[in-house]
Structure formats: structure tokens, C-alpha cells
Amino acid sequence: MPESLPQYSIAQARDQLTQLVHQVEQGSPVELTRRGKRVAVIISAEEYDRMFPAKPDFWTGLVKFRERLAAENIEIDPDEVFKDVRDRSPGRDVKL
């Protein structure tokens, strides 16, 4: 963002809100001031979305993770990974 943004007091912004929104939509952020001090910056929804992208839901994240693993050709041997997970003992006797 440019260092020197157009500044408007809150009162001016209230009177010129429609014009300010059009200006912001064109890609020019606007600073709002109160008693000469900067208190807010208005940016376009597009710029906001670029700065704070939506986080994917769990399933989308999992699919992307799997795609990334596949793209990196990571070979995982499930038998090796899970070899100590299951108890292989016969267990207890059950009377039916």
C-alpha cells in the first residue's frame, strides 16, 4: 500500500461514503481520521480477501494434503508404519 493514503475525517467519510466506496473499489485505500489521528483504513473486499484468505474446511484441506504428498512422491509403507499399533496376542477366552 502507498505510504500516503487519502485521508478523510469520520464526519467527511459519513458525508461522502458512496464516493469513498467507489474509490476503494477502484483499488485506492482510504484512511479515516479522528481529531487528526489515523483510526481506520478502508480497503476493498478483494484486497481484504487477498490479505486474509478463507481457510479451507477439513475435507478440502485433507484432499490438498493428499495431493501434495502424491506430487512429492512420498512412499509410505503402511505395514511398516502400523506394525506396532495392533496387539497381536490371542486375547481372553470367551464362553458363548
PDB file of N, CA and C in Angstrom:
ATOM      1  N   MET A   1       0.832  -1.171   0.000  1.00  0.00           N
ATOM      2  CA  MET A   1       0.000   0.000   0.000  1.00  0.00           C
ATOM      3  C   MET A   1       0.883   1.244   0.000  1.00  0.00           C
ATOM      4  N   PRO A   2       0.409   2.296  -0.628  1.00  0.00           N
ATOM      5  CA  PRO A   2       1.179   3.526  -0.616  1.00  0.00           C
ATOM      6  C   PRO A   2       1.263   4.097   0.791  1.00  0.00           C
ATOM      7  N   GLU A   3       2.354   4.808   1.051  1.00  0.00           N
ATOM      8  CA  GLU A   3       2.530   5.374   2.386  1.00  0.00           C
ATOM      9  C   GLU A   3       1.549   6.511   2.649  1.00  0.00           C
ATOM     10  N   SER A   4       1.282   7.320   1.647  1.00  0.00           N
ATOM     11  CA  SER A   4       0.412   8.475   1.828  1.00  0.00           C
ATOM     12  C   SER A   4      -0.945   8.204   1.186  1.00  0.00           C
ATOM     13  N   LEU A   5      -1.879   7.777   2.001  1.00  0.00           N
ATOM     14  CA  LEU A   5      -3.226   7.488   1.515  1.00  0.00           C
ATOM     15  C   LEU A   5      -4.091   8.731   1.658  1.00  0.00           C
ATOM     16  N   PRO A   6      -5.122   8.845   0.825  1.00  0.00           N
ATOM     17  CA  PRO A   6      -6.061   9.944   1.017  1.00  0.00           C
ATOM     18  C   PRO A   6      -6.695   9.836   2.401  1.00  0.00           C
ATOM     19  N   GLN A   7      -6.797  10.954   3.097  1.00  0.00           N
ATOM     20  CA  GLN A   7      -7.356  10.951   4.448  1.00  0.00           C
ATOM     21  C   GLN A   7      -8.669  11.715   4.499  1.00  0.00           C
ATOM     22  N   TYR A   8      -9.581  11.171   5.270  1.00  0.00           N
ATOM     23  CA  TYR A   8     -10.873  11.814   5.495  1.00  0.00           C
ATOM     24  C   TYR A   8     -11.203  11.689   6.969  1.00  0.00           C
ATOM     25  N   SER A   9     -11.767  12.746   7.514  1.00  0.00           N
ATOM     26  CA  SER A   9     -12.250  12.631   8.887  1.00  0.00           C
ATOM     27  C   SER A   9     -13.484  11.746   8.861  1.00  0.00           C
ATOM     28  N   ILE A  10     -13.855  11.246  10.011  1.00  0.00           N
ATOM     29  CA  ILE A  10     -15.040  10.387  10.071  1.00  0.00           C
ATOM     30  C   ILE A  10     -16.269  11.154   9.610  1.00  0.00           C
ATOM     31  N   ALA A  11     -16.360  12.421   9.969  1.00  0.00           N
ATOM     32  CA  ALA A  11     -17.500  13.243   9.539  1.00  0.00           C
ATOM     33  C   ALA A  11     -17.514  13.386   8.016  1.00  0.00           C
ATOM     34  N   GLN A  12     -16.353  13.638   7.411  1.00  0.00           N
ATOM     35  CA  GLN A  12     -16.277  13.731   5.951  1.00  0.00           C
ATOM     36  C   GLN A  12     -16.659  12.396   5.312  1.00  0.00           C
ATOM     37  N   ALA A  13     -16.165  11.315   5.870  1.00  0.00           N
ATOM     38  CA  ALA A  13     -16.466   9.991   5.333  1.00  0.00           C
ATOM     39  C   ALA A  13     -17.961   9.709   5.383  1.00  0.00           C
ATOM     40  N   ARG A  14     -18.593  10.122   6.463  1.00  0.00           N
ATOM     41  CA  ARG A  14     -20.033   9.903   6.590  1.00  0.00           C
ATOM     42  C   ARG A  14     -20.776  10.650   5.477  1.00  0.00           C
ATOM     43  N   ASP A  15     -20.330  11.866   5.183  1.00  0.00           N
ATOM     44  CA  ASP A  15     -20.993  12.672   4.151  1.00  0.00           C
ATOM     45  C   ASP A  15     -20.683  12.188   2.734  1.00  0.00           C
ATOM     46  N   GLN A  16     -19.536  11.521   2.540  1.00  0.00           N
ATOM     47  CA  GLN A  16     -19.096  11.122   1.206  1.00  0.00           C
ATOM     48  C   GLN A  16     -18.928   9.606   1.084  1.00  0.00           C
ATOM     49  N   LEU A  17     -19.681   8.859   1.850  1.00  0.00           N
ATOM     50  CA  LEU A  17     -19.484   7.413   1.910  1.00  0.00           C
ATOM     51  C   LEU A  17     -19.572   6.744   0.534  1.00  0.00           C
ATOM     52  N   THR A  18     -20.560   7.107  -0.252  1.00  0.00           N
ATOM     53  CA  THR A  18     -20.720   6.487  -1.567  1.00  0.00           C
ATOM     54  C   THR A  18     -19.487   6.723  -2.429  1.00  0.00           C
ATOM     55  N   GLN A  19     -18.977   7.940  -2.437  1.00  0.00           N
ATOM     56  CA  GLN A  19     -17.783   8.255  -3.226  1.00  0.00           C
ATOM     57  C   GLN A  19     -16.573   7.488  -2.715  1.00  0.00           C
ATOM     58  N   LEU A  20     -16.435   7.376  -1.408  1.00  0.00           N
ATOM     59  CA  LEU A  20     -15.303   6.656  -0.834  1.00  0.00           C
ATOM     60  C   LEU A  20     -15.354   5.176  -1.194  1.00  0.00           C
ATOM     61  N   VAL A  21     -16.532   4.605  -1.158  1.00  0.00           N
ATOM     62  CA  VAL A  21     -16.673   3.181  -1.516  1.00  0.00           C
ATOM     63  C   VAL A  21     -16.274   2.972  -2.968  1.00  0.00           C
ATOM     64  N   HIS A  22     -16.692   3.861  -3.861  1.00  0.00           N
ATOM     65  CA  HIS A  22     -16.293   3.747  -5.264  1.00  0.00           C
ATOM     66  C   HIS A  22     -14.774   3.874  -5.410  1.00  0.00           C
ATOM     67  N   GLN A  23     -14.179   4.792  -4.669  1.00  0.00           N
ATOM     68  CA  GLN A  23     -12.729   4.992  -4.717  1.00  0.00           C
ATOM     69  C   GLN A  23     -11.995   3.734  -4.248  1.00  0.00           C
ATOM     70  N   VAL A  24     -12.479   3.138  -3.175  1.00  0.00           N
ATOM     71  CA  VAL A  24     -11.869   1.925  -2.634  1.00  0.00           C
ATOM     72  C   VAL A  24     -12.046   0.758  -3.608  1.00  0.00           C
ATOM     73  N   GLU A  25     -13.213   0.660  -4.227  1.00  0.00           N
ATOM     74  CA  GLU A  25     -13.454  -0.408  -5.201  1.00  0.00           C
ATOM     75  C   GLU A  25     -12.496  -0.311  -6.389  1.00  0.00           C
ATOM     76  N   GLN A  26     -12.049   0.889  -6.698  1.00  0.00           N
ATOM     77  CA  GLN A  26     -11.106   1.099  -7.800  1.00  0.00           C
ATOM     78  C   GLN A  26      -9.664   0.776  -7.396  1.00  0.00           C
ATOM     79  N   GLY A  27      -9.471   0.381  -6.126  1.00  0.00           N
ATOM     80  CA  GLY A  27      -8.146  -0.043  -5.693  1.00  0.00           C
ATOM     81  C   GLY A  27      -7.371   0.983  -4.893  1.00  0.00           C
ATOM     82  N   SER A  28      -8.015   2.060  -4.475  1.00  0.00           N
ATOM     83  CA  SER A  28      -7.327   3.095  -3.700  1.00  0.00           C
ATOM     84  C   SER A  28      -7.835   3.096  -2.259  1.00  0.00           C
ATOM     85  N   PRO A  29      -7.069   2.526  -1.318  1.00  0.00           N
ATOM     86  CA  PRO A  29      -7.484   2.528   0.084  1.00  0.00           C
ATOM     87  C   PRO A  29      -7.620   3.955   0.619  1.00  0.00           C
ATOM     88  N   VAL A  30      -8.393   4.109   1.665  1.00  0.00           N
ATOM     89  CA  VAL A  30      -8.655   5.420   2.258  1.00  0.00           C
ATOM     90  C   VAL A  30      -8.442   5.340   3.764  1.00  0.00           C
ATOM     91  N   GLU A  31      -7.801   6.362   4.326  1.00  0.00           N
ATOM     92  CA  GLU A  31      -7.625   6.442   5.783  1.00  0.00           C
ATOM     93  C   GLU A  31      -8.725   7.293   6.390  1.00  0.00           C
ATOM     94  N   LEU A  32      -9.198   6.853   7.534  1.00  0.00           N
ATOM     95  CA  LEU A  32     -10.150   7.645   8.305  1.00  0.00           C
ATOM     96  C   LEU A  32      -9.441   8.183   9.538  1.00  0.00           C
ATOM     97  N   THR A  33      -9.733   9.438   9.845  1.00  0.00           N
ATOM     98  CA  THR A  33      -9.080  10.068  10.997  1.00  0.00           C
ATOM     99  C   THR A  33     -10.107  10.581  11.990  1.00  0.00           C
ATOM    100  N   ARG A  34      -9.667  10.660  13.233  1.00  0.00           N
ATOM    101  CA  ARG A  34     -10.463  11.280  14.296  1.00  0.00           C
ATOM    102  C   ARG A  34      -9.523  12.243  15.007  1.00  0.00           C
ATOM    103  N   ARG A  35      -9.891  13.504  14.988  1.00  0.00           N
ATOM    104  CA  ARG A  35      -9.064  14.568  15.584  1.00  0.00           C
ATOM    105  C   ARG A  35      -7.638  14.547  15.027  1.00  0.00           C
ATOM    106  N   GLY A  36      -7.527  14.260  13.720  1.00  0.00           N
ATOM    107  CA  GLY A  36      -6.240  14.289  13.048  1.00  0.00           C
ATOM    108  C   GLY A  36      -5.411  13.020  13.165  1.00  0.00           C
ATOM    109  N   LYS A  37      -5.872  12.050  13.949  1.00  0.00           N
ATOM    110  CA  LYS A  37      -5.128  10.793  14.103  1.00  0.00           C
ATOM    111  C   LYS A  37      -5.799   9.690  13.300  1.00  0.00           C
ATOM    112  N   ARG A  38      -4.980   8.907  12.631  1.00  0.00           N
ATOM    113  CA  ARG A  38      -5.492   7.800  11.826  1.00  0.00           C
ATOM    114  C   ARG A  38      -6.111   6.754  12.748  1.00  0.00           C
ATOM    115  N   VAL A  39      -7.357   6.367  12.452  1.00  0.00           N
ATOM    116  CA  VAL A  39      -8.044   5.369  13.279  1.00  0.00           C
ATOM    117  C   VAL A  39      -8.493   4.145  12.490  1.00  0.00           C
ATOM    118  N   ALA A  40      -8.565   4.269  11.158  1.00  0.00           N
ATOM    119  CA  ALA A  40      -9.016   3.134  10.352  1.00  0.00           C
ATOM    120  C   ALA A  40      -8.568   3.312   8.916  1.00  0.00           C
ATOM    121  N   VAL A  41      -8.543   2.191   8.202  1.00  0.00           N
ATOM    122  CA  VAL A  41      -8.254   2.198   6.768  1.00  0.00           C
ATOM    123  C   VAL A  41      -9.340   1.389   6.097  1.00  0.00           C
ATOM    124  N   ILE A  42      -9.919   1.959   5.063  1.00  0.00           N
ATOM    125  CA  ILE A  42     -10.931   1.243   4.290  1.00  0.00           C
ATOM    126  C   ILE A  42     -10.242   0.648   3.067  1.00  0.00           C
ATOM    127  N   ILE A  43     -10.412  -0.656   2.876  1.00  0.00           N
ATOM    128  CA  ILE A  43      -9.852  -1.337   1.713  1.00  0.00           C
ATOM    129  C   ILE A  43     -10.972  -2.085   1.003  1.00  0.00           C
ATOM    130  N   SER A  44     -10.713  -2.463  -0.228  1.00  0.00           N
ATOM    131  CA  SER A  44     -11.725  -3.195  -0.999  1.00  0.00           C
ATOM    132  C   SER A  44     -11.865  -4.617  -0.457  1.00  0.00           C
ATOM    133  N   ALA A  45     -12.996  -5.222  -0.764  1.00  0.00           N
ATOM    134  CA  ALA A  45     -13.224  -6.609  -0.355  1.00  0.00           C
ATOM    135  C   ALA A  45     -12.201  -7.524  -1.021  1.00  0.00           C
ATOM    136  N   GLU A  46     -11.831  -7.209  -2.258  1.00  0.00           N
ATOM    137  CA  GLU A  46     -10.826  -8.007  -2.969  1.00  0.00           C
ATOM    138  C   GLU A  46      -9.478  -7.961  -2.242  1.00  0.00           C
ATOM    139  N   GLU A  47      -9.068  -6.773  -1.808  1.00  0.00           N
ATOM    140  CA  GLU A  47      -7.806  -6.630  -1.079  1.00  0.00           C
ATOM    141  C   GLU A  47      -7.882  -7.352   0.273  1.00  0.00           C
ATOM    142  N   TYR A  48      -9.014  -7.245   0.937  1.00  0.00           N
ATOM    143  CA  TYR A  48      -9.204  -7.924   2.221  1.00  0.00           C
ATOM    144  C   TYR A  48      -9.081  -9.438   2.042  1.00  0.00           C
ATOM    145  N   ASP A  49      -9.737  -9.981   1.006  1.00  0.00           N
ATOM    146  CA  ASP A  49      -9.673 -11.418   0.751  1.00  0.00           C
ATOM    147  C   ASP A  49      -8.256 -11.864   0.419  1.00  0.00           C
ATOM    148  N   ARG A  50      -7.491 -10.997  -0.263  1.00  0.00           N
ATOM    149  CA  ARG A  50      -6.099 -11.320  -0.570  1.00  0.00           C
ATOM    150  C   ARG A  50      -5.269 -11.364   0.707  1.00  0.00           C
ATOM    151  N   MET A  51      -5.538 -10.445   1.624  1.00  0.00           N
ATOM    152  CA  MET A  51      -4.776 -10.376   2.875  1.00  0.00           C
ATOM    153  C   MET A  51      -5.163 -11.489   3.845  1.00  0.00           C
ATOM    154  N   PHE A  52      -6.438 -11.859   3.848  1.00  0.00           N
ATOM    155  CA  PHE A  52      -6.947 -12.863   4.784  1.00  0.00           C
ATOM    156  C   PHE A  52      -7.724 -13.929   4.029  1.00  0.00           C
ATOM    157  N   PRO A  53      -7.017 -14.816   3.339  1.00  0.00           N
ATOM    158  CA  PRO A  53      -7.725 -15.841   2.563  1.00  0.00           C
ATOM    159  C   PRO A  53      -8.543 -16.756   3.478  1.00  0.00           C
ATOM    160  N   ALA A  54      -9.654 -17.217   2.948  1.00  0.00           N
ATOM    161  CA  ALA A  54     -10.516 -18.121   3.717  1.00  0.00           C
ATOM    162  C   ALA A  54      -9.785 -19.433   3.961  1.00  0.00           C
ATOM    163  N   LYS A  55      -9.943 -19.962   5.142  1.00  0.00           N
ATOM    164  CA  LYS A  55      -9.327 -21.246   5.463  1.00  0.00           C
ATOM    165  C   LYS A  55     -10.224 -22.355   4.931  1.00  0.00           C
ATOM    166  N   PRO A  56      -9.616 -23.360   4.305  1.00  0.00           N
ATOM    167  CA  PRO A  56     -10.435 -24.442   3.761  1.00  0.00           C
ATOM    168  C   PRO A  56     -11.047 -25.287   4.883  1.00  0.00           C
ATOM    169  N   ASP A  57     -12.167 -25.927   4.565  1.00  0.00           N
ATOM    170  CA  ASP A  57     -12.752 -26.850   5.535  1.00  0.00           C
ATOM    171  C   ASP A  57     -11.847 -28.078   5.643  1.00  0.00           C
ATOM    172  N   PHE A  58     -12.123 -28.929   6.590  1.00  0.00           N
ATOM    173  CA  PHE A  58     -11.256 -30.080   6.858  1.00  0.00           C
ATOM    174  C   PHE A  58     -11.075 -30.954   5.631  1.00  0.00           C
ATOM    175  N   TRP A  59     -12.175 -31.284   4.960  1.00  0.00           N
ATOM    176  CA  TRP A  59     -12.094 -32.209   3.825  1.00  0.00           C
ATOM    177  C   TRP A  59     -11.239 -31.625   2.707  1.00  0.00           C
ATOM    178  N   THR A  60     -11.447 -30.343   2.386  1.00  0.00           N
ATOM    179  CA  THR A  60     -10.652 -29.699   1.338  1.00  0.00           C
ATOM    180  C   THR A  60      -9.181 -29.697   1.716  1.00  0.00           C
ATOM    181  N   GLY A  61      -8.886 -29.411   2.972  1.00  0.00           N
ATOM    182  CA  GLY A  61      -7.505 -29.431   3.446  1.00  0.00           C
ATOM    183  C   GLY A  61      -6.888 -30.812   3.330  1.00  0.00           C
ATOM    184  N   LEU A  62      -7.657 -31.847   3.667  1.00  0.00           N
ATOM    185  CA  LEU A  62      -7.165 -33.219   3.575  1.00  0.00           C
ATOM    186  C   LEU A  62      -6.868 -33.604   2.125  1.00  0.00           C
ATOM    187  N   VAL A  63      -7.779 -33.245   1.227  1.00  0.00           N
ATOM    188  CA  VAL A  63      -7.577 -33.554  -0.192  1.00  0.00           C
ATOM    189  C   VAL A  63      -6.316 -32.857  -0.704  1.00  0.00           C
ATOM    190  N   LYS A  64      -6.133 -31.584  -0.351  1.00  0.00           N
ATOM    191  CA  LYS A  64      -4.930 -30.862  -0.796  1.00  0.00           C
ATOM    192  C   LYS A  64      -3.672 -31.489  -0.203  1.00  0.00           C
ATOM    193  N   PHE A  65      -3.744 -31.919   1.059  1.00  0.00           N
ATOM    194  CA  PHE A  65      -2.603 -32.573   1.694  1.00  0.00           C
ATOM    195  C   PHE A  65      -2.240 -33.852   0.951  1.00  0.00           C
ATOM    196  N   ARG A  66      -3.258 -34.646   0.620  1.00  0.00           N
ATOM    197  CA  ARG A  66      -3.006 -35.896  -0.107  1.00  0.00           C
ATOM    198  C   ARG A  66      -2.426 -35.625  -1.490  1.00  0.00           C
ATOM    199  N   GLU A  67      -2.929 -34.589  -2.152  1.00  0.00           N
ATOM    200  CA  GLU A  67      -2.398 -34.236  -3.478  1.00  0.00           C
ATOM    201  C   GLU A  67      -0.937 -33.822  -3.372  1.00  0.00           C
ATOM    202  N   ARG A  68      -0.608 -33.066  -2.339  1.00  0.00           N
ATOM    203  CA  ARG A  68       0.776 -32.624  -2.145  1.00  0.00           C
ATOM    204  C   ARG A  68       1.681 -33.820  -1.884  1.00  0.00           C
ATOM    205  N   LEU A  69       1.219 -34.763  -1.066  1.00  0.00           N
ATOM    206  CA  LEU A  69       2.011 -35.972  -0.816  1.00  0.00           C
ATOM    207  C   LEU A  69       2.231 -36.756  -2.104  1.00  0.00           C
ATOM    208  N   ALA A  70       1.173 -36.886  -2.889  1.00  0.00           N
ATOM    209  CA  ALA A  70       1.292 -37.625  -4.147  1.00  0.00           C
ATOM    210  C   ALA A  70       2.258 -36.914  -5.086  1.00  0.00           C
ATOM    211  N   ALA A  71       2.200 -35.597  -5.119  1.00  0.00           N
ATOM    212  CA  ALA A  71       3.081 -34.833  -6.002  1.00  0.00           C
ATOM    213  C   ALA A  71       4.541 -34.947  -5.568  1.00  0.00           C
ATOM    214  N   GLU A  72       4.767 -35.125  -4.278  1.00  0.00           N
ATOM    215  CA  GLU A  72       6.133 -35.231  -3.762  1.00  0.00           C
ATOM    216  C   GLU A  72       6.648 -36.676  -3.823  1.00  0.00           C
ATOM    217  N   ASN A  73       5.825 -37.584  -4.332  1.00  0.00           N
ATOM    218  CA  ASN A  73       6.190 -38.998  -4.466  1.00  0.00           C
ATOM    219  C   ASN A  73       6.701 -39.601  -3.162  1.00  0.00           C
ATOM    220  N   ILE A  74       6.014 -39.289  -2.097  1.00  0.00           N
ATOM    221  CA  ILE A  74       6.397 -39.862  -0.813  1.00  0.00           C
ATOM    222  C   ILE A  74       5.788 -41.256  -0.715  1.00  0.00           C
ATOM    223  N   GLU A  75       6.630 -42.229  -0.542  1.00  0.00           N
ATOM    224  CA  GLU A  75       6.155 -43.598  -0.450  1.00  0.00           C
ATOM    225  C   GLU A  75       6.115 -44.000   1.017  1.00  0.00           C
ATOM    226  N   ILE A  76       4.951 -44.373   1.463  1.00  0.00           N
ATOM    227  CA  ILE A  76       4.767 -44.796   2.850  1.00  0.00           C
ATOM    228  C   ILE A  76       4.307 -46.244   2.834  1.00  0.00           C
ATOM    229  N   ASP A  77       4.987 -47.075   3.589  1.00  0.00           N
ATOM    230  CA  ASP A  77       4.618 -48.481   3.699  1.00  0.00           C
ATOM    231  C   ASP A  77       3.719 -48.621   4.931  1.00  0.00           C
ATOM    232  N   PRO A  78       2.417 -48.807   4.728  1.00  0.00           N
ATOM    233  CA  PRO A  78       1.504 -48.904   5.870  1.00  0.00           C
ATOM    234  C   PRO A  78       1.879 -50.015   6.844  1.00  0.00           C
ATOM    235  N   ASP A  79       2.395 -51.133   6.324  1.00  0.00           N
ATOM    236  CA  ASP A  79       2.787 -52.237   7.209  1.00  0.00           C
ATOM    237  C   ASP A  79       3.916 -51.812   8.139  1.00  0.00           C
ATOM    238  N   GLU A  80       4.811 -51.005   7.640  1.00  0.00           N
ATOM    239  CA  GLU A  80       5.924 -50.521   8.457  1.00  0.00           C
ATOM    240  C   GLU A  80       5.448 -49.481   9.476  1.00  0.00           C
ATOM    241  N   VAL A  81       4.594 -48.601   9.041  1.00  0.00           N
ATOM    242  CA  VAL A  81       4.111 -47.526   9.914  1.00  0.00           C
ATOM    243  C   VAL A  81       3.264 -48.080  11.056  1.00  0.00           C
ATOM    244  N   PHE A  82       2.396 -49.050  10.750  1.00  0.00           N
ATOM    245  CA  PHE A  82       1.445 -49.542  11.743  1.00  0.00           C
ATOM    246  C   PHE A  82       1.823 -50.893  12.357  1.00  0.00           C
ATOM    247  N   LYS A  83       3.068 -51.318  12.194  1.00  0.00           N
ATOM    248  CA  LYS A  83       3.452 -52.657  12.655  1.00  0.00           C
ATOM    249  C   LYS A  83       3.311 -52.846  14.162  1.00  0.00           C
ATOM    250  N   ASP A  84       3.501 -51.828  14.973  1.00  0.00           N
ATOM    251  CA  ASP A  84       3.428 -51.962  16.430  1.00  0.00           C
ATOM    252  C   ASP A  84       2.129 -51.421  17.015  1.00  0.00           C
ATOM    253  N   VAL A  85       1.170 -51.100  16.181  1.00  0.00           N
ATOM    254  CA  VAL A  85      -0.053 -50.471  16.665  1.00  0.00           C
ATOM    255  C   VAL A  85      -1.035 -51.498  17.230  1.00  0.00           C
ATOM    256  N   ARG A  86      -1.200 -52.605  16.563  1.00  0.00           N
ATOM    257  CA  ARG A  86      -2.193 -53.600  16.974  1.00  0.00           C
ATOM    258  C   ARG A  86      -1.564 -54.658  17.868  1.00  0.00           C
ATOM    259  N   ASP A  87      -2.282 -54.984  18.928  1.00  0.00           N
ATOM    260  CA  ASP A  87      -1.854 -56.063  19.826  1.00  0.00           C
ATOM    261  C   ASP A  87      -2.221 -57.390  19.167  1.00  0.00           C
ATOM    262  N   ARG A  88      -1.242 -58.211  18.873  1.00  0.00           N
ATOM    263  CA  ARG A  88      -1.443 -59.487  18.165  1.00  0.00           C
ATOM    264  C   ARG A  88      -1.666 -60.668  19.116  1.00  0.00           C
ATOM    265  N   SER A  89      -1.735 -60.425  20.430  1.00  0.00           N
ATOM    266  CA  SER A  89      -1.952 -61.530  21.370  1.00  0.00           C
ATOM    267  C   SER A  89      -3.352 -62.113  21.174  1.00  0.00           C
ATOM    268  N   PRO A  90      -3.555 -63.379  21.525  1.00  0.00           N
ATOM    269  CA  PRO A  90      -4.832 -64.051  21.266  1.00  0.00           C
ATOM    270  C   PRO A  90      -5.995 -63.476  22.080  1.00  0.00           C
ATOM    271  N   GLY A  91      -5.735 -62.803  23.153  1.00  0.00           N
ATOM    272  CA  GLY A  91      -6.825 -62.240  23.934  1.00  0.00           C
ATOM    273  C   GLY A  91      -7.344 -63.215  24.965  1.00  0.00           C
ATOM    274  N   ARG A  92      -8.517 -62.966  25.495  1.00  0.00           N
ATOM    275  CA  ARG A  92      -9.064 -63.828  26.556  1.00  0.00           C
ATOM    276  C   ARG A  92     -10.046 -64.824  25.980  1.00  0.00           C
ATOM    277  N   ASP A  93     -10.296 -65.884  26.725  1.00  0.00           N
ATOM    278  CA  ASP A  93     -11.277 -66.876  26.331  1.00  0.00           C
ATOM    279  C   ASP A  93     -12.670 -66.344  26.625  1.00  0.00           C
ATOM    280  N   VAL A  94     -13.566 -66.602  25.695  1.00  0.00           N
ATOM    281  CA  VAL A  94     -14.939 -66.149  25.841  1.00  0.00           C
ATOM    282  C   VAL A  94     -15.859 -67.352  25.766  1.00  0.00           C
ATOM    283  N   LYS A  95     -16.790 -67.459  26.709  1.00  0.00           N
ATOM    284  CA  LYS A  95     -17.775 -68.542  26.673  1.00  0.00           C
ATOM    285  C   LYS A  95     -19.050 -67.987  26.085  1.00  0.00           C
ATOM    286  N   LEU A  96     -19.532 -68.649  25.069  1.00  0.00           N
ATOM    287  CA  LEU A  96     -20.773 -68.223  24.438  1.00  0.00           C
ATOM    288  C   LEU A  96     -21.917 -69.103  24.782  1.00  0.00           C
TER     289      LEU A  96
END
